[in-house]
Amino acid sequence: AFAIKIAARMLEEGIYVTGFGFPVVPEGAARVRVQISDALSYEDMDTCLQAFEKVGRELGVLSAA
């Protein structure tokens, strides 16, 4: 599933998220689960968002803006 591919790439970037696809969720409703804690710093959050942007662009989920 595409969400699992995203999760694998995010892990390569040092960010642990979980990808879910069918049959865990309905066909076509794949998701990426992110758990956020107040133990994370603003720097941690920025790092995570930058990784999501990088991976999203690589995999064609985000376009250049």
Protein backbone atom coordinates (compact mmCIF):
# COMPACT_ATOMS: atom_id res chain seq x y z
CA ALA A 1 0.00 0.00 0.00
CA PHE A 2 1.11 3.56 -0.69
CA ALA A 3 0.83 4.56 2.98
CA ILE A 4 3.26 1.80 3.91
CA LYS A 5 5.71 3.08 1.30
CA ILE A 6 5.44 6.57 2.81
CA ALA A 7 6.04 5.14 6.30
CA ALA A 8 9.14 3.26 5.07
CA ARG A 9 10.58 6.42 3.48
CA MET A 10 9.82 8.45 6.59
CA LEU A 11 11.73 5.90 8.68
CA GLU A 12 14.69 6.34 6.32
CA GLU A 13 14.45 10.05 7.19
CA GLY A 14 14.50 9.19 10.91
CA ILE A 15 10.78 9.69 11.55
CA TYR A 16 8.71 6.77 12.82
CA VAL A 17 5.13 6.73 11.57
CA THR A 18 2.83 3.81 10.82
CA GLY A 19 1.22 3.13 7.46
CA PHE A 20 -2.13 1.34 7.28
CA GLY A 21 -3.68 -0.16 4.17
CA PHE A 22 -6.31 -2.72 3.22
CA PRO A 23 -7.54 -4.88 5.01
CA VAL A 24 -6.85 -2.81 8.17
CA VAL A 25 -8.73 0.11 6.61
CA PRO A 26 -11.19 0.05 3.69
CA GLU A 27 -9.77 -0.30 0.17
CA GLY A 28 -8.64 3.11 -1.06
CA ALA A 29 -8.54 4.60 2.44
CA ALA A 30 -4.88 4.03 3.35
CA ARG A 31 -3.53 6.28 6.08
CA VAL A 32 -0.36 7.28 7.85
CA ARG A 33 -0.61 7.50 11.64
CA VAL A 34 1.46 10.07 13.46
CA GLN A 35 1.55 10.24 17.25
CA ILE A 36 2.54 13.59 18.71
CA SER A 37 3.60 14.23 22.28
CA ASP A 38 4.21 17.43 24.16
CA ALA A 39 7.66 16.00 24.90
CA LEU A 40 8.58 16.94 21.32
CA SER A 41 10.28 20.27 20.76
CA TYR A 42 9.43 22.78 18.06
CA GLU A 43 12.65 21.66 16.38
CA ASP A 44 11.43 18.04 16.45
CA MET A 45 8.15 19.11 14.85
CA ASP A 46 9.96 21.16 12.19
CA THR A 47 12.18 18.15 11.40
CA CYS A 48 9.13 15.93 11.03
CA LEU A 49 7.31 18.40 8.78
CA GLN A 50 10.39 18.83 6.60
CA ALA A 51 10.67 15.05 6.24
CA PHE A 52 6.98 14.80 5.29
CA GLU A 53 7.49 17.53 2.70
CA LYS A 54 10.59 15.84 1.25
CA VAL A 55 8.97 12.40 1.09
CA GLY A 56 5.69 13.83 -0.19
CA ARG A 57 7.48 15.55 -3.08
CA GLU A 58 9.57 12.46 -3.89
CA LEU A 59 6.47 10.25 -4.03
CA GLY A 60 4.34 12.76 -5.92
CA VAL A 61 1.89 13.53 -3.11
CA LEU A 62 3.00 17.18 -3.01
CA SER A 63 3.88 19.36 -5.95
CA ALA A 64 6.28 22.29 -6.04
CA ALA A 65 4.57 25.44 -4.86
